[in-house]
């Protein structure tokens, strides 16, 4: 019998690795086409999604089995941390580092699409 917690950890690890991999690949493409600032922007965009999901997974699956109420609180806290980290990373990329917006958006969208594809492909 497979544990749903172990399955969730496995999915989270796999999907985050896919997100980081596609982000690195896309950053290399943008670096060749537009230079270092574009590659860094892709890294921030894809990294905001992948690191947010990693933080969410650590919050949800880190403690192991828990009562339903505690598990639900973990989901809410994990989602809040994920969104907070994403907002901070995007703010730093746009307002502080002034990275180009199109590569940033491309990295963010592609990393999220990879996550959605992984949800369907991994069962």
PDB file of N, CA and C in Angstrom:
ATOM      1  N   UNK A   1       0.838  -1.180   0.000  1.00  0.00           N
ATOM      2  CA  UNK A   1       0.000   0.000   0.000  1.00  0.00           C
ATOM      3  C   UNK A   1       0.880   1.240   0.000  1.00  0.00           C
ATOM      4  N   UNK A   2       0.598   2.173  -0.899  1.00  0.00           N
ATOM      5  CA  UNK A   2       1.386   3.388  -0.998  1.00  0.00           C
ATOM      6  C   UNK A   2       0.781   4.474  -0.119  1.00  0.00           C
ATOM      7  N   UNK A   3       1.631   5.170   0.577  1.00  0.00           N
ATOM      8  CA  UNK A   3       1.197   6.254   1.437  1.00  0.00           C
ATOM      9  C   UNK A   3       0.913   7.494   0.590  1.00  0.00           C
ATOM     10  N   UNK A   4      -0.168   8.172   0.884  1.00  0.00           N
ATOM     11  CA  UNK A   4      -0.468   9.398   0.153  1.00  0.00           C
ATOM     12  C   UNK A   4       0.547  10.481   0.471  1.00  0.00           C
ATOM     13  N   UNK A   5       1.106  10.465   1.668  1.00  0.00           N
ATOM     14  CA  UNK A   5       2.143  11.429   2.030  1.00  0.00           C
ATOM     15  C   UNK A   5       3.403  11.153   1.223  1.00  0.00           C
ATOM     16  N   UNK A   6       3.799   9.894   1.134  1.00  0.00           N
ATOM     17  CA  UNK A   6       4.988   9.544   0.351  1.00  0.00           C
ATOM     18  C   UNK A   6       4.762   9.866  -1.126  1.00  0.00           C
ATOM     19  N   UNK A   7       3.568   9.606  -1.628  1.00  0.00           N
ATOM     20  CA  UNK A   7       3.248   9.939  -3.012  1.00  0.00           C
ATOM     21  C   UNK A   7       3.285  11.444  -3.248  1.00  0.00           C
ATOM     22  N   UNK A   8       2.791  12.205  -2.295  1.00  0.00           N
ATOM     23  CA  UNK A   8       2.823  13.665  -2.393  1.00  0.00           C
ATOM     24  C   UNK A   8       4.240  14.197  -2.383  1.00  0.00           C
ATOM     25  N   UNK A   9       5.068  13.641  -1.514  1.00  0.00           N
ATOM     26  CA  UNK A   9       6.482  14.049  -1.481  1.00  0.00           C
ATOM     27  C   UNK A   9       7.166  13.725  -2.798  1.00  0.00           C
ATOM     28  N   UNK A  10       6.893  12.549  -3.308  1.00  0.00           N
ATOM     29  CA  UNK A  10       7.509  12.118  -4.570  1.00  0.00           C
ATOM     30  C   UNK A  10       7.070  13.038  -5.710  1.00  0.00           C
ATOM     31  N   UNK A  11       5.778  13.341  -5.779  1.00  0.00           N
ATOM     32  CA  UNK A  11       5.289  14.238  -6.817  1.00  0.00           C
ATOM     33  C   UNK A  11       5.905  15.624  -6.676  1.00  0.00           C
ATOM     34  N   UNK A  12       5.952  16.143  -5.454  1.00  0.00           N
ATOM     35  CA  UNK A  12       6.516  17.473  -5.233  1.00  0.00           C
ATOM     36  C   UNK A  12       7.969  17.525  -5.675  1.00  0.00           C
ATOM     37  N   UNK A  13       8.737  16.518  -5.304  1.00  0.00           N
ATOM     38  CA  UNK A  13      10.149  16.477  -5.685  1.00  0.00           C
ATOM     39  C   UNK A  13      10.303  16.437  -7.201  1.00  0.00           C
ATOM     40  N   UNK A  14       9.536  15.582  -7.842  1.00  0.00           N
ATOM     41  CA  UNK A  14       9.620  15.428  -9.287  1.00  0.00           C
ATOM     42  C   UNK A  14       9.185  16.703 -10.009  1.00  0.00           C
ATOM     43  N   UNK A  15       8.072  17.283  -9.601  1.00  0.00           N
ATOM     44  CA  UNK A  15       7.567  18.465 -10.295  1.00  0.00           C
ATOM     45  C   UNK A  15       8.480  19.672 -10.087  1.00  0.00           C
ATOM     46  N   UNK A  16       9.051  19.821  -8.897  1.00  0.00           N
ATOM     47  CA  UNK A  16       9.966  20.932  -8.637  1.00  0.00           C
ATOM     48  C   UNK A  16      11.244  20.753  -9.452  1.00  0.00           C
ATOM     49  N   UNK A  17      11.731  19.521  -9.556  1.00  0.00           N
ATOM     50  CA  UNK A  17      12.917  19.263 -10.382  1.00  0.00           C
ATOM     51  C   UNK A  17      12.621  19.588 -11.848  1.00  0.00           C
ATOM     52  N   UNK A  18      11.435  19.226 -12.326  1.00  0.00           N
ATOM     53  CA  UNK A  18      11.056  19.565 -13.701  1.00  0.00           C
ATOM     54  C   UNK A  18      10.974  21.080 -13.897  1.00  0.00           C
ATOM     55  N   UNK A  19      10.400  21.776 -12.933  1.00  0.00           N
ATOM     56  CA  UNK A  19      10.292  23.227 -13.030  1.00  0.00           C
ATOM     57  C   UNK A  19      11.672  23.878 -13.069  1.00  0.00           C
ATOM     58  N   UNK A  20      12.561  23.435 -12.202  1.00  0.00           N
ATOM     59  CA  UNK A  20      13.906  24.007 -12.188  1.00  0.00           C
ATOM     60  C   UNK A  20      14.664  23.658 -13.465  1.00  0.00           C
ATOM     61  N   UNK A  21      14.481  22.442 -13.953  1.00  0.00           N
ATOM     62  CA  UNK A  21      15.147  22.034 -15.183  1.00  0.00           C
ATOM     63  C   UNK A  21      14.704  22.851 -16.382  1.00  0.00           C
ATOM     64  N   UNK A  22      13.398  23.040 -16.533  1.00  0.00           N
ATOM     65  CA  UNK A  22      12.891  23.820 -17.664  1.00  0.00           C
ATOM     66  C   UNK A  22      13.287  25.283 -17.511  1.00  0.00           C
ATOM     67  N   UNK A  23      13.367  25.777 -16.282  1.00  0.00           N
ATOM     68  CA  UNK A  23      13.802  27.151 -16.054  1.00  0.00           C
ATOM     69  C   UNK A  23      15.256  27.327 -16.476  1.00  0.00           C
ATOM     70  N   UNK A  24      16.116  26.375 -16.125  1.00  0.00           N
ATOM     71  CA  UNK A  24      17.522  26.458 -16.531  1.00  0.00           C
ATOM     72  C   UNK A  24      17.663  26.377 -18.047  1.00  0.00           C
ATOM     73  N   UNK A  25      16.917  25.491 -18.673  1.00  0.00           N
ATOM     74  CA  UNK A  25      16.962  25.363 -20.127  1.00  0.00           C
ATOM     75  C   UNK A  25      16.500  26.659 -20.802  1.00  0.00           C
ATOM     76  N   UNK A  26      15.398  27.200 -20.334  1.00  0.00           N
ATOM     77  CA  UNK A  26      14.878  28.444 -20.895  1.00  0.00           C
ATOM     78  C   UNK A  26      15.838  29.605 -20.639  1.00  0.00           C
ATOM     79  N   UNK A  27      16.464  29.637 -19.482  1.00  0.00           N
ATOM     80  CA  UNK A  27      17.445  30.692 -19.177  1.00  0.00           C
ATOM     81  C   UNK A  27      18.627  30.612 -20.139  1.00  0.00           C
ATOM     82  N   UNK A  28      19.061  29.409 -20.469  1.00  0.00           N
ATOM     83  CA  UNK A  28      20.160  29.254 -21.422  1.00  0.00           C
ATOM     84  C   UNK A  28      19.766  29.779 -22.800  1.00  0.00           C
ATOM     85  N   UNK A  29      18.525  29.509 -23.206  1.00  0.00           N
ATOM     86  CA  UNK A  29      18.043  29.997 -24.500  1.00  0.00           C
ATOM     87  C   UNK A  29      17.989  31.525 -24.508  1.00  0.00           C
ATOM     88  N   UNK A  30      17.434  32.105 -23.445  1.00  0.00           N
ATOM     89  CA  UNK A  30      17.348  33.570 -23.364  1.00  0.00           C
ATOM     90  C   UNK A  30      18.733  34.195 -23.245  1.00  0.00           C
ATOM     91  N   UNK A  31      19.661  33.531 -22.563  1.00  0.00           N
ATOM     92  CA  UNK A  31      21.023  34.055 -22.443  1.00  0.00           C
ATOM     93  C   UNK A  31      21.682  34.123 -23.822  1.00  0.00           C
ATOM     94  N   UNK A  32      21.488  33.083 -24.623  1.00  0.00           N
ATOM     95  CA  UNK A  32      22.069  33.074 -25.965  1.00  0.00           C
ATOM     96  C   UNK A  32      21.424  34.134 -26.854  1.00  0.00           C
ATOM     97  N   UNK A  33      20.133  34.357 -26.677  1.00  0.00           N
ATOM     98  CA  UNK A  33      19.420  35.290 -27.542  1.00  0.00           C
ATOM     99  C   UNK A  33      19.512  36.746 -27.079  1.00  0.00           C
ATOM    100  N   UNK A  34      19.434  36.976 -25.771  1.00  0.00           N
ATOM    101  CA  UNK A  34      19.317  38.348 -25.261  1.00  0.00           C
ATOM    102  C   UNK A  34      20.395  38.747 -24.249  1.00  0.00           C
ATOM    103  N   UNK A  35      21.128  37.798 -23.695  1.00  0.00           N
ATOM    104  CA  UNK A  35      22.173  38.135 -22.740  1.00  0.00           C
ATOM    105  C   UNK A  35      21.816  37.769 -21.308  1.00  0.00           C
ATOM    106  N   UNK A  36      22.721  38.137 -20.430  1.00  0.00           N
ATOM    107  CA  UNK A  36      22.624  37.766 -19.021  1.00  0.00           C
ATOM    108  C   UNK A  36      21.401  38.324 -18.300  1.00  0.00           C
ATOM    109  N   UNK A  37      21.036  39.600 -18.472  1.00  0.00           N
ATOM    110  CA  UNK A  37      19.851  40.093 -17.750  1.00  0.00           C
ATOM    111  C   UNK A  37      18.581  39.307 -18.070  1.00  0.00           C
ATOM    112  N   UNK A  38      18.417  38.910 -19.327  1.00  0.00           N
ATOM    113  CA  UNK A  38      17.237  38.131 -19.707  1.00  0.00           C
ATOM    114  C   UNK A  38      17.271  36.754 -19.053  1.00  0.00           C
ATOM    115  N   UNK A  39      18.443  36.136 -19.036  1.00  0.00           N
ATOM    116  CA  UNK A  39      18.572  34.818 -18.395  1.00  0.00           C
ATOM    117  C   UNK A  39      18.294  34.916 -16.902  1.00  0.00           C
ATOM    118  N   UNK A  40      18.771  35.962 -16.268  1.00  0.00           N
ATOM    119  CA  UNK A  40      18.505  36.158 -14.837  1.00  0.00           C
ATOM    120  C   UNK A  40      17.017  36.378 -14.588  1.00  0.00           C
ATOM    121  N   UNK A  41      16.367  37.118 -15.490  1.00  0.00           N
ATOM    122  CA  UNK A  41      14.925  37.346 -15.360  1.00  0.00           C
ATOM    123  C   UNK A  41      14.154  36.034 -15.460  1.00  0.00           C
ATOM    124  N   UNK A  42      14.523  35.179 -16.411  1.00  0.00           N
ATOM    125  CA  UNK A  42      13.879  33.866 -16.531  1.00  0.00           C
ATOM    126  C   UNK A  42      14.090  33.070 -15.255  1.00  0.00           C
ATOM    127  N   UNK A  43      15.306  33.129 -14.709  1.00  0.00           N
ATOM    128  CA  UNK A  43      15.594  32.422 -13.467  1.00  0.00           C
ATOM    129  C   UNK A  43      14.742  32.906 -12.304  1.00  0.00           C
ATOM    130  N   UNK A  44      14.547  34.205 -12.216  1.00  0.00           N
ATOM    131  CA  UNK A  44      13.698  34.743 -11.152  1.00  0.00           C
ATOM    132  C   UNK A  44      12.238  34.341 -11.357  1.00  0.00           C
ATOM    133  N   UNK A  45      11.753  34.387 -12.597  1.00  0.00           N
ATOM    134  CA  UNK A  45      10.361  34.022 -12.865  1.00  0.00           C
ATOM    135  C   UNK A  45      10.089  32.563 -12.577  1.00  0.00           C
ATOM    136  N   UNK A  46      10.890  31.675 -13.152  1.00  0.00           N
ATOM    137  CA  UNK A  46      10.715  30.242 -12.910  1.00  0.00           C
ATOM    138  C   UNK A  46      11.061  29.865 -11.479  1.00  0.00           C
ATOM    139  N   UNK A  47      12.068  30.539 -10.928  1.00  0.00           N
ATOM    140  CA  UNK A  47      12.458  30.261  -9.546  1.00  0.00           C
ATOM    141  C   UNK A  47      11.390  30.653  -8.543  1.00  0.00           C
ATOM    142  N   UNK A  48      10.654  31.727  -8.836  1.00  0.00           N
ATOM    143  CA  UNK A  48       9.572  32.142  -7.934  1.00  0.00           C
ATOM    144  C   UNK A  48       8.521  31.042  -7.828  1.00  0.00           C
ATOM    145  N   UNK A  49       8.219  30.408  -8.957  1.00  0.00           N
ATOM    146  CA  UNK A  49       7.221  29.333  -8.960  1.00  0.00           C
ATOM    147  C   UNK A  49       7.784  28.079  -8.298  1.00  0.00           C
ATOM    148  N   UNK A  50       8.982  27.666  -8.716  1.00  0.00           N
ATOM    149  CA  UNK A  50       9.572  26.422  -8.206  1.00  0.00           C
ATOM    150  C   UNK A  50       9.898  26.514  -6.716  1.00  0.00           C
ATOM    151  N   UNK A  51      10.494  27.611  -6.293  1.00  0.00           N
ATOM    152  CA  UNK A  51      10.818  27.748  -4.868  1.00  0.00           C
ATOM    153  C   UNK A  51       9.564  27.905  -4.016  1.00  0.00           C
ATOM    154  N   UNK A  52       8.570  28.582  -4.559  1.00  0.00           N
ATOM    155  CA  UNK A  52       7.289  28.675  -3.847  1.00  0.00           C
ATOM    156  C   UNK A  52       6.665  27.305  -3.655  1.00  0.00           C
ATOM    157  N   UNK A  53       6.698  26.485  -4.700  1.00  0.00           N
ATOM    158  CA  UNK A  53       6.161  25.129  -4.586  1.00  0.00           C
ATOM    159  C   UNK A  53       6.987  24.279  -3.632  1.00  0.00           C
ATOM    160  N   UNK A  54       8.293  24.477  -3.617  1.00  0.00           N
ATOM    161  CA  UNK A  54       9.151  23.734  -2.689  1.00  0.00           C
ATOM    162  C   UNK A  54       8.825  24.112  -1.243  1.00  0.00           C
ATOM    163  N   UNK A  55       8.639  25.398  -0.991  1.00  0.00           N
ATOM    164  CA  UNK A  55       8.283  25.853   0.352  1.00  0.00           C
ATOM    165  C   UNK A  55       6.926  25.297   0.763  1.00  0.00           C
ATOM    166  N   UNK A  56       5.974  25.296  -0.165  1.00  0.00           N
ATOM    167  CA  UNK A  56       4.655  24.731   0.098  1.00  0.00           C
ATOM    168  C   UNK A  56       4.775  23.247   0.454  1.00  0.00           C
ATOM    169  N   UNK A  57       5.542  22.495  -0.335  1.00  0.00           N
ATOM    170  CA  UNK A  57       5.703  21.058  -0.104  1.00  0.00           C
ATOM    171  C   UNK A  57       6.363  20.789   1.246  1.00  0.00           C
ATOM    172  N   UNK A  58       7.360  21.578   1.594  1.00  0.00           N
ATOM    173  CA  UNK A  58       8.008  21.391   2.897  1.00  0.00           C
ATOM    174  C   UNK A  58       7.027  21.636   4.035  1.00  0.00           C
ATOM    175  N   UNK A  59       6.192  22.637   3.884  1.00  0.00           N
ATOM    176  CA  UNK A  59       5.212  22.962   4.930  1.00  0.00           C
ATOM    177  C   UNK A  59       4.145  21.876   5.045  1.00  0.00           C
ATOM    178  N   UNK A  60       3.698  21.352   3.910  1.00  0.00           N
ATOM    179  CA  UNK A  60       2.603  20.385   3.914  1.00  0.00           C
ATOM    180  C   UNK A  60       3.085  18.984   4.268  1.00  0.00           C
ATOM    181  N   UNK A  61       4.198  18.552   3.661  1.00  0.00           N
ATOM    182  CA  UNK A  61       4.647  17.174   3.830  1.00  0.00           C
ATOM    183  C   UNK A  61       5.764  17.015   4.845  1.00  0.00           C
ATOM    184  N   UNK A  62       6.272  18.099   5.385  1.00  0.00           N
ATOM    185  CA  UNK A  62       7.416  18.020   6.290  1.00  0.00           C
ATOM    186  C   UNK A  62       7.127  17.331   7.605  1.00  0.00           C
ATOM    187  N   UNK A  63       5.943  17.505   8.146  1.00  0.00           N
ATOM    188  CA  UNK A  63       5.628  16.968   9.472  1.00  0.00           C
ATOM    189  C   UNK A  63       5.111  15.531   9.427  1.00  0.00           C
ATOM    190  N   UNK A  64       4.815  15.022   8.244  1.00  0.00           N
ATOM    191  CA  UNK A  64       4.264  13.672   8.145  1.00  0.00           C
ATOM    192  C   UNK A  64       2.763  13.679   8.393  1.00  0.00           C
ATOM    193  N   UNK A  65       2.253  12.557   8.845  1.00  0.00           N
ATOM    194  CA  UNK A  65       0.810  12.431   9.086  1.00  0.00           C
ATOM    195  C   UNK A  65       0.395  13.331  10.248  1.00  0.00           C
ATOM    196  N   UNK A  66      -0.746  13.990  10.075  1.00  0.00           N
ATOM    197  CA  UNK A  66      -1.247  14.895  11.105  1.00  0.00           C
ATOM    198  C   UNK A  66      -2.767  14.823  11.115  1.00  0.00           C
ATOM    199  N   UNK A  67      -3.385  15.233  12.231  1.00  0.00           N
ATOM    200  CA  UNK A  67      -4.852  15.306  12.268  1.00  0.00           C
ATOM    201  C   UNK A  67      -5.363  16.264  11.180  1.00  0.00           C
ATOM    202  N   UNK A  68      -6.605  16.073  10.774  1.00  0.00           N
ATOM    203  CA  UNK A  68      -7.171  16.827   9.654  1.00  0.00           C
ATOM    204  C   UNK A  68      -7.080  18.335   9.856  1.00  0.00           C
ATOM    205  N   UNK A  69      -7.404  18.813  11.025  1.00  0.00           N
ATOM    206  CA  UNK A  69      -7.382  20.257  11.275  1.00  0.00           C
ATOM    207  C   UNK A  69      -5.971  20.814  11.142  1.00  0.00           C
ATOM    208  N   UNK A  70      -5.001  20.099  11.673  1.00  0.00           N
ATOM    209  CA  UNK A  70      -3.608  20.530  11.584  1.00  0.00           C
ATOM    210  C   UNK A  70      -3.112  20.456  10.130  1.00  0.00           C
ATOM    211  N   UNK A  71      -3.531  19.446   9.408  1.00  0.00           N
ATOM    212  CA  UNK A  71      -3.143  19.315   7.999  1.00  0.00           C
ATOM    213  C   UNK A  71      -3.724  20.464   7.172  1.00  0.00           C
ATOM    214  N   UNK A  72      -4.969  20.831   7.448  1.00  0.00           N
ATOM    215  CA  UNK A  72      -5.599  21.936   6.738  1.00  0.00           C
ATOM    216  C   UNK A  72      -4.881  23.252   7.037  1.00  0.00           C
ATOM    217  N   UNK A  73      -4.520  23.460   8.301  1.00  0.00           N
ATOM    218  CA  UNK A  73      -3.753  24.658   8.652  1.00  0.00           C
ATOM    219  C   UNK A  73      -2.414  24.675   7.927  1.00  0.00           C
ATOM    220  N   UNK A  74      -1.807  23.503   7.791  1.00  0.00           N
ATOM    221  CA  UNK A  74      -0.549  23.401   7.057  1.00  0.00           C
ATOM    222  C   UNK A  74      -0.703  23.773   5.597  1.00  0.00           C
ATOM    223  N   UNK A  75      -1.822  23.354   5.008  1.00  0.00           N
ATOM    224  CA  UNK A  75      -2.093  23.732   3.611  1.00  0.00           C
ATOM    225  C   UNK A  75      -2.251  25.242   3.469  1.00  0.00           C
ATOM    226  N   UNK A  76      -3.023  25.844   4.344  1.00  0.00           N
ATOM    227  CA  UNK A  76      -3.225  27.295   4.285  1.00  0.00           C
ATOM    228  C   UNK A  76      -1.915  28.043   4.508  1.00  0.00           C
ATOM    229  N   UNK A  77      -1.162  27.633   5.511  1.00  0.00           N
ATOM    230  CA  UNK A  77       0.114  28.290   5.798  1.00  0.00           C
ATOM    231  C   UNK A  77       1.091  28.108   4.644  1.00  0.00           C
ATOM    232  N   UNK A  78       1.134  26.911   4.083  1.00  0.00           N
ATOM    233  CA  UNK A  78       2.020  26.656   2.953  1.00  0.00           C
ATOM    234  C   UNK A  78       1.670  27.511   1.749  1.00  0.00           C
ATOM    235  N   UNK A  79       0.388  27.641   1.467  1.00  0.00           N
ATOM    236  CA  UNK A  79      -0.037  28.464   0.331  1.00  0.00           C
ATOM    237  C   UNK A  79       0.283  29.935   0.571  1.00  0.00           C
ATOM    238  N   UNK A  80       0.074  30.407   1.792  1.00  0.00           N
ATOM    239  CA  UNK A  80       0.399  31.800   2.115  1.00  0.00           C
ATOM    240  C   UNK A  80       1.904  32.051   1.971  1.00  0.00           C
ATOM    241  N   UNK A  81       2.717  31.121   2.455  1.00  0.00           N
ATOM    242  CA  UNK A  81       4.171  31.262   2.313  1.00  0.00           C
ATOM    243  C   UNK A  81       4.587  31.235   0.838  1.00  0.00           C
ATOM    244  N   UNK A  82       3.978  30.343   0.069  1.00  0.00           N
ATOM    245  CA  UNK A  82       4.289  30.231  -1.353  1.00  0.00           C
ATOM    246  C   UNK A  82       3.968  31.540  -2.082  1.00  0.00           C
ATOM    247  N   UNK A  83       2.791  32.074  -1.861  1.00  0.00           N
ATOM    248  CA  UNK A  83       2.406  33.316  -2.516  1.00  0.00           C
ATOM    249  C   UNK A  83       3.262  34.483  -2.051  1.00  0.00           C
ATOM    250  N   UNK A  84       3.558  34.526  -0.765  1.00  0.00           N
ATOM    251  CA  UNK A  84       4.412  35.591  -0.230  1.00  0.00           C
ATOM    252  C   UNK A  84       5.803  35.572  -0.838  1.00  0.00           C
ATOM    253  N   UNK A  85       6.401  34.389  -0.913  1.00  0.00           N
ATOM    254  CA  UNK A  85       7.728  34.265  -1.515  1.00  0.00           C
ATOM    255  C   UNK A  85       7.690  34.675  -2.978  1.00  0.00           C
ATOM    256  N   UNK A  86       6.665  34.259  -3.696  1.00  0.00           N
ATOM    257  CA  UNK A  86       6.549  34.608  -5.116  1.00  0.00           C
ATOM    258  C   UNK A  86       6.437  36.120  -5.298  1.00  0.00           C
ATOM    259  N   UNK A  87       5.620  36.761  -4.499  1.00  0.00           N
ATOM    260  CA  UNK A  87       5.449  38.210  -4.595  1.00  0.00           C
ATOM    261  C   UNK A  87       6.758  38.922  -4.299  1.00  0.00           C
ATOM    262  N   UNK A  88       7.465  38.502  -3.254  1.00  0.00           N
ATOM    263  CA  UNK A  88       8.731  39.136  -2.897  1.00  0.00           C
ATOM    264  C   UNK A  88       9.762  38.950  -4.008  1.00  0.00           C
ATOM    265  N   UNK A  89       9.864  37.732  -4.546  1.00  0.00           N
ATOM    266  CA  UNK A  89      10.830  37.487  -5.615  1.00  0.00           C
ATOM    267  C   UNK A  89      10.505  38.313  -6.860  1.00  0.00           C
ATOM    268  N   UNK A  90       9.243  38.400  -7.209  1.00  0.00           N
ATOM    269  CA  UNK A  90       8.867  39.186  -8.383  1.00  0.00           C
ATOM    270  C   UNK A  90       9.080  40.679  -8.142  1.00  0.00           C
ATOM    271  N   UNK A  91       8.828  41.147  -6.939  1.00  0.00           N
ATOM    272  CA  UNK A  91       9.090  42.544  -6.607  1.00  0.00           C
ATOM    273  C   UNK A  91      10.582  42.856  -6.743  1.00  0.00           C
ATOM    274  N   UNK A  92      11.411  41.987  -6.199  1.00  0.00           N
ATOM    275  CA  UNK A  92      12.860  42.193  -6.278  1.00  0.00           C
ATOM    276  C   UNK A  92      13.307  42.203  -7.741  1.00  0.00           C
ATOM    277  N   UNK A  93      12.788  41.283  -8.532  1.00  0.00           N
ATOM    278  CA  UNK A  93      13.175  41.204  -9.942  1.00  0.00           C
ATOM    279  C   UNK A  93      12.766  42.451 -10.721  1.00  0.00           C
ATOM    280  N   UNK A  94      11.561  42.955 -10.452  1.00  0.00           N
ATOM    281  CA  UNK A  94      11.040  44.084 -11.225  1.00  0.00           C
ATOM    282  C   UNK A  94      11.510  45.424 -10.671  1.00  0.00           C
ATOM    283  N   UNK A  95      11.326  45.654  -9.384  1.00  0.00           N
ATOM    284  CA  UNK A  95      11.574  46.974  -8.804  1.00  0.00           C
ATOM    285  C   UNK A  95      13.025  47.187  -8.375  1.00  0.00           C
ATOM    286  N   UNK A  96      13.660  46.161  -7.868  1.00  0.00           N
ATOM    287  CA  UNK A  96      15.010  46.344  -7.344  1.00  0.00           C
ATOM    288  C   UNK A  96      16.054  46.097  -8.428  1.00  0.00           C
ATOM    289  N   UNK A  97      15.995  44.933  -9.069  1.00  0.00           N
ATOM    290  CA  UNK A  97      16.989  44.576 -10.076  1.00  0.00           C
ATOM    291  C   UNK A  97      16.659  45.108 -11.467  1.00  0.00           C
ATOM    292  N   UNK A  98      15.413  45.541 -11.659  1.00  0.00           N
ATOM    293  CA  UNK A  98      14.935  46.080 -12.930  1.00  0.00           C
ATOM    294  C   UNK A  98      15.236  45.144 -14.099  1.00  0.00           C
ATOM    295  N   UNK A  99      14.890  43.877 -13.919  1.00  0.00           N
ATOM    296  CA  UNK A  99      15.086  42.873 -14.956  1.00  0.00           C
ATOM    297  C   UNK A  99      14.022  43.017 -16.029  1.00  0.00           C
ATOM    298  N   UNK A 100      14.330  42.590 -17.253  1.00  0.00           N
ATOM    299  CA  UNK A 100      13.333  42.696 -18.335  1.00  0.00           C
ATOM    300  C   UNK A 100      12.086  41.862 -18.043  1.00  0.00           C
ATOM    301  N   UNK A 101      10.941  42.449 -18.352  1.00  0.00           N
ATOM    302  CA  UNK A 101       9.677  41.840 -17.950  1.00  0.00           C
ATOM    303  C   UNK A 101       9.306  40.598 -18.774  1.00  0.00           C
ATOM    304  N   UNK A 102       9.503  40.626 -20.086  1.00  0.00           N
ATOM    305  CA  UNK A 102       9.082  39.505 -20.922  1.00  0.00           C
ATOM    306  C   UNK A 102       9.777  38.192 -20.547  1.00  0.00           C
ATOM    307  N   UNK A 103      11.104  38.166 -20.372  1.00  0.00           N
ATOM    308  CA  UNK A 103      11.728  36.910 -19.937  1.00  0.00           C
ATOM    309  C   UNK A 103      11.267  36.477 -18.536  1.00  0.00           C
ATOM    310  N   UNK A 104      11.039  37.449 -17.663  1.00  0.00           N
ATOM    311  CA  UNK A 104      10.544  37.141 -16.319  1.00  0.00           C
ATOM    312  C   UNK A 104       9.193  36.452 -16.396  1.00  0.00           C
ATOM    313  N   UNK A 105       8.309  37.019 -17.174  1.00  0.00           N
ATOM    314  CA  UNK A 105       6.975  36.443 -17.348  1.00  0.00           C
ATOM    315  C   UNK A 105       7.038  35.080 -18.038  1.00  0.00           C
ATOM    316  N   UNK A 106       7.928  34.943 -19.014  1.00  0.00           N
ATOM    317  CA  UNK A 106       8.082  33.675 -19.724  1.00  0.00           C
ATOM    318  C   UNK A 106       8.520  32.570 -18.770  1.00  0.00           C
ATOM    319  N   UNK A 107       9.498  32.858 -17.926  1.00  0.00           N
ATOM    320  CA  UNK A 107       9.960  31.868 -16.957  1.00  0.00           C
ATOM    321  C   UNK A 107       8.876  31.482 -15.971  1.00  0.00           C
ATOM    322  N   UNK A 108       8.138  32.475 -15.492  1.00  0.00           N
ATOM    323  CA  UNK A 108       7.068  32.222 -14.529  1.00  0.00           C
ATOM    324  C   UNK A 108       5.967  31.361 -15.156  1.00  0.00           C
ATOM    325  N   UNK A 109       5.515  31.727 -16.338  1.00  0.00           N
ATOM    326  CA  UNK A 109       4.413  31.010 -16.982  1.00  0.00           C
ATOM    327  C   UNK A 109       4.830  29.589 -17.353  1.00  0.00           C
ATOM    328  N   UNK A 110       6.026  29.432 -17.913  1.00  0.00           N
ATOM    329  CA  UNK A 110       6.448  28.097 -18.326  1.00  0.00           C
ATOM    330  C   UNK A 110       6.636  27.167 -17.121  1.00  0.00           C
ATOM    331  N   UNK A 111       7.182  27.683 -16.026  1.00  0.00           N
ATOM    332  CA  UNK A 111       7.330  26.856 -14.823  1.00  0.00           C
ATOM    333  C   UNK A 111       5.965  26.430 -14.289  1.00  0.00           C
ATOM    334  N   UNK A 112       4.983  27.310 -14.347  1.00  0.00           N
ATOM    335  CA  UNK A 112       3.634  26.953 -13.882  1.00  0.00           C
ATOM    336  C   UNK A 112       2.987  25.940 -14.812  1.00  0.00           C
ATOM    337  N   UNK A 113       3.188  26.097 -16.118  1.00  0.00           N
ATOM    338  CA  UNK A 113       2.638  25.131 -17.075  1.00  0.00           C
ATOM    339  C   UNK A 113       3.244  23.752 -16.853  1.00  0.00           C
ATOM    340  N   UNK A 114       4.544  23.700 -16.582  1.00  0.00           N
ATOM    341  CA  UNK A 114       5.205  22.415 -16.309  1.00  0.00           C
ATOM    342  C   UNK A 114       4.564  21.756 -15.088  1.00  0.00           C
ATOM    343  N   UNK A 115       4.234  22.536 -14.071  1.00  0.00           N
ATOM    344  CA  UNK A 115       3.577  21.984 -12.885  1.00  0.00           C
ATOM    345  C   UNK A 115       2.216  21.392 -13.247  1.00  0.00           C
ATOM    346  N   UNK A 116       1.438  22.116 -14.057  1.00  0.00           N
ATOM    347  CA  UNK A 116       0.117  21.610 -14.451  1.00  0.00           C
ATOM    348  C   UNK A 116       0.229  20.345 -15.282  1.00  0.00           C
ATOM    349  N   UNK A 117       1.204  20.291 -16.176  1.00  0.00           N
ATOM    350  CA  UNK A 117       1.415  19.094 -16.978  1.00  0.00           C
ATOM    351  C   UNK A 117       1.809  17.930 -16.071  1.00  0.00           C
ATOM    352  N   UNK A 118       2.662  18.202 -15.095  1.00  0.00           N
ATOM    353  CA  UNK A 118       3.073  17.149 -14.157  1.00  0.00           C
ATOM    354  C   UNK A 118       1.883  16.633 -13.372  1.00  0.00           C
ATOM    355  N   UNK A 119       0.954  17.492 -13.002  1.00  0.00           N
ATOM    356  CA  UNK A 119      -0.242  17.046 -12.287  1.00  0.00           C
ATOM    357  C   UNK A 119      -1.021  16.020 -13.095  1.00  0.00           C
ATOM    358  N   UNK A 120      -1.092  16.228 -14.392  1.00  0.00           N
ATOM    359  CA  UNK A 120      -1.842  15.310 -15.249  1.00  0.00           C
ATOM    360  C   UNK A 120      -1.022  14.058 -15.565  1.00  0.00           C
ATOM    361  N   UNK A 121       0.269  14.238 -15.821  1.00  0.00           N
ATOM    362  CA  UNK A 121       1.111  13.138 -16.290  1.00  0.00           C
ATOM    363  C   UNK A 121       1.494  12.159 -15.181  1.00  0.00           C
ATOM    364  N   UNK A 122       1.644  12.659 -13.969  1.00  0.00           N
ATOM    365  CA  UNK A 122       2.100  11.812 -12.856  1.00  0.00           C
ATOM    366  C   UNK A 122       0.880  11.398 -12.044  1.00  0.00           C
ATOM    367  N   UNK A 123       0.548  10.153 -12.113  1.00  0.00           N
ATOM    368  CA  UNK A 123      -0.568   9.635 -11.306  1.00  0.00           C
ATOM    369  C   UNK A 123      -0.158   8.370 -10.625  1.00  0.00           C
TER     370      UNK A 123
END
